[in-house]
Amino acid sequence: MIFLFAALAAAGFLLGAAAHTTLSQFALAGALIGGWLLLFGAREGAAWLRRR
């Protein structure tokens, strides 16, 4: 239950911070985070295939 509260609090904090930025800054940050997640997923997938 505490995990759910912490996740909701973090989401509220991040959404509040995003509301005070310009759309271009928000889009750039989203693109950077999305690119990092894609690279991380590809690296983890490659490692998983090597272990199999």
N, C-alpha and C. Protein backbone atom coordinates (compact mmCIF):
# COMPACT_ATOMS: atom_id res chain seq x y z
N MET A 1 0.82 -1.19 0.00
CA MET A 1 0.00 0.00 0.00
C MET A 1 0.87 1.26 0.00
N ILE A 2 1.97 1.22 0.75
CA ILE A 2 2.85 2.39 0.81
C ILE A 2 3.51 2.62 -0.55
N PHE A 3 3.76 1.53 -1.29
CA PHE A 3 4.37 1.65 -2.62
C PHE A 3 3.43 2.41 -3.55
N LEU A 4 2.15 2.10 -3.49
CA LEU A 4 1.17 2.79 -4.33
C LEU A 4 1.13 4.28 -4.00
N PHE A 5 1.15 4.59 -2.73
CA PHE A 5 1.15 6.00 -2.32
C PHE A 5 2.40 6.71 -2.83
N ALA A 6 3.56 6.07 -2.70
CA ALA A 6 4.81 6.68 -3.16
C ALA A 6 4.79 6.88 -4.67
N ALA A 7 4.25 5.91 -5.41
CA ALA A 7 4.17 6.03 -6.86
C ALA A 7 3.24 7.18 -7.26
N LEU A 8 2.12 7.31 -6.61
CA LEU A 8 1.19 8.39 -6.91
C LEU A 8 1.78 9.75 -6.54
N ALA A 9 2.49 9.82 -5.43
CA ALA A 9 3.13 11.07 -5.03
C ALA A 9 4.21 11.47 -6.03
N ALA A 10 5.01 10.50 -6.48
CA ALA A 10 6.05 10.79 -7.47
C ALA A 10 5.44 11.24 -8.79
N ALA A 11 4.36 10.59 -9.21
CA ALA A 11 3.69 10.97 -10.45
C ALA A 11 3.14 12.39 -10.34
N GLY A 12 2.55 12.72 -9.23
CA GLY A 12 2.03 14.07 -9.02
C GLY A 12 3.13 15.11 -9.04
N PHE A 13 4.24 14.80 -8.44
CA PHE A 13 5.38 15.72 -8.44
C PHE A 13 5.90 15.95 -9.85
N LEU A 14 6.05 14.86 -10.62
CA LEU A 14 6.57 14.99 -11.99
C LEU A 14 5.58 15.71 -12.90
N LEU A 15 4.30 15.44 -12.76
CA LEU A 15 3.31 16.15 -13.57
C LEU A 15 3.25 17.63 -13.22
N GLY A 16 3.42 17.95 -11.96
CA GLY A 16 3.44 19.35 -11.54
C GLY A 16 4.65 20.07 -12.10
N ALA A 17 5.79 19.38 -12.11
CA ALA A 17 7.00 19.99 -12.67
C ALA A 17 6.85 20.18 -14.17
N ALA A 18 6.23 19.22 -14.85
CA ALA A 18 6.06 19.31 -16.30
C ALA A 18 5.10 20.44 -16.67
N ALA A 19 4.18 20.77 -15.79
CA ALA A 19 3.21 21.83 -16.08
C ALA A 19 3.87 23.21 -16.12
N HIS A 20 5.06 23.35 -15.54
CA HIS A 20 5.73 24.65 -15.47
C HIS A 20 6.83 24.79 -16.51
N THR A 21 6.91 23.86 -17.47
CA THR A 21 7.90 23.97 -18.53
C THR A 21 7.20 24.29 -19.84
N THR A 22 7.98 24.69 -20.82
CA THR A 22 7.40 24.92 -22.14
C THR A 22 7.20 23.58 -22.83
N LEU A 23 6.39 23.58 -23.87
CA LEU A 23 6.11 22.35 -24.59
C LEU A 23 7.37 21.80 -25.25
N SER A 24 8.23 22.68 -25.76
CA SER A 24 9.45 22.19 -26.42
C SER A 24 10.39 21.54 -25.40
N GLN A 25 10.51 22.10 -24.21
CA GLN A 25 11.35 21.49 -23.17
C GLN A 25 10.77 20.14 -22.75
N PHE A 26 9.46 20.08 -22.61
CA PHE A 26 8.80 18.84 -22.21
C PHE A 26 8.98 17.77 -23.28
N ALA A 27 8.84 18.14 -24.56
CA ALA A 27 9.02 17.19 -25.66
C ALA A 27 10.46 16.71 -25.74
N LEU A 28 11.41 17.61 -25.55
CA LEU A 28 12.82 17.23 -25.57
C LEU A 28 13.14 16.26 -24.44
N ALA A 29 12.67 16.56 -23.25
CA ALA A 29 12.90 15.67 -22.11
C ALA A 29 12.25 14.31 -22.35
N GLY A 30 11.04 14.30 -22.89
CA GLY A 30 10.37 13.04 -23.19
C GLY A 30 11.11 12.23 -24.23
N ALA A 31 11.64 12.91 -25.25
CA ALA A 31 12.40 12.21 -26.29
C ALA A 31 13.69 11.63 -25.72
N LEU A 32 14.36 12.38 -24.87
CA LEU A 32 15.59 11.88 -24.25
C LEU A 32 15.32 10.67 -23.36
N ILE A 33 14.28 10.74 -22.57
CA ILE A 33 13.93 9.63 -21.69
C ILE A 33 13.50 8.42 -22.51
N GLY A 34 12.70 8.64 -23.55
CA GLY A 34 12.28 7.55 -24.42
C GLY A 34 13.45 6.89 -25.13
N GLY A 35 14.40 7.70 -25.61
CA GLY A 35 15.60 7.15 -26.25
C GLY A 35 16.43 6.33 -25.29
N TRP A 36 16.58 6.83 -24.06
CA TRP A 36 17.33 6.09 -23.06
C TRP A 36 16.64 4.76 -22.76
N LEU A 37 15.32 4.76 -22.65
CA LEU A 37 14.59 3.53 -22.38
C LEU A 37 14.71 2.54 -23.53
N LEU A 38 14.69 3.03 -24.78
CA LEU A 38 14.88 2.15 -25.93
C LEU A 38 16.26 1.52 -25.93
N LEU A 39 17.29 2.32 -25.67
CA LEU A 39 18.65 1.78 -25.60
C LEU A 39 18.79 0.76 -24.47
N PHE A 40 18.23 1.08 -23.33
CA PHE A 40 18.29 0.16 -22.20
C PHE A 40 17.59 -1.15 -22.52
N GLY A 41 16.41 -1.07 -23.14
CA GLY A 41 15.67 -2.28 -23.49
C GLY A 41 16.40 -3.12 -24.52
N ALA A 42 17.02 -2.46 -25.50
CA ALA A 42 17.78 -3.20 -26.51
C ALA A 42 18.98 -3.89 -25.88
N ARG A 43 19.66 -3.21 -24.99
CA ARG A 43 20.82 -3.81 -24.31
C ARG A 43 20.40 -4.99 -23.45
N GLU A 44 19.32 -4.85 -22.73
CA GLU A 44 18.84 -5.95 -21.89
C GLU A 44 18.37 -7.12 -22.74
N GLY A 45 17.71 -6.84 -23.86
CA GLY A 45 17.26 -7.90 -24.76
C GLY A 45 18.43 -8.66 -25.36
N ALA A 46 19.47 -7.94 -25.73
CA ALA A 46 20.67 -8.60 -26.28
C ALA A 46 21.33 -9.47 -25.22
N ALA A 47 21.40 -8.98 -24.00
CA ALA A 47 21.99 -9.76 -22.92
C ALA A 47 21.16 -11.01 -22.64
N TRP A 48 19.85 -10.89 -22.71
CA TRP A 48 18.97 -12.03 -22.49
C TRP A 48 19.18 -13.09 -23.56
N LEU A 49 19.33 -12.64 -24.81
CA LEU A 49 19.56 -13.58 -25.91
C LEU A 49 20.91 -14.28 -25.77
N ARG A 50 21.92 -13.59 -25.30
CA ARG A 50 23.23 -14.21 -25.10
C ARG A 50 23.20 -15.25 -24.00
N ARG A 51 22.39 -15.02 -22.97
CA ARG A 51 22.30 -15.99 -21.86
C ARG A 51 21.56 -17.24 -22.25
N ARG A 52 20.67 -17.15 -23.23
CA ARG A 52 19.88 -18.31 -23.64
C ARG A 52 20.66 -19.18 -24.48
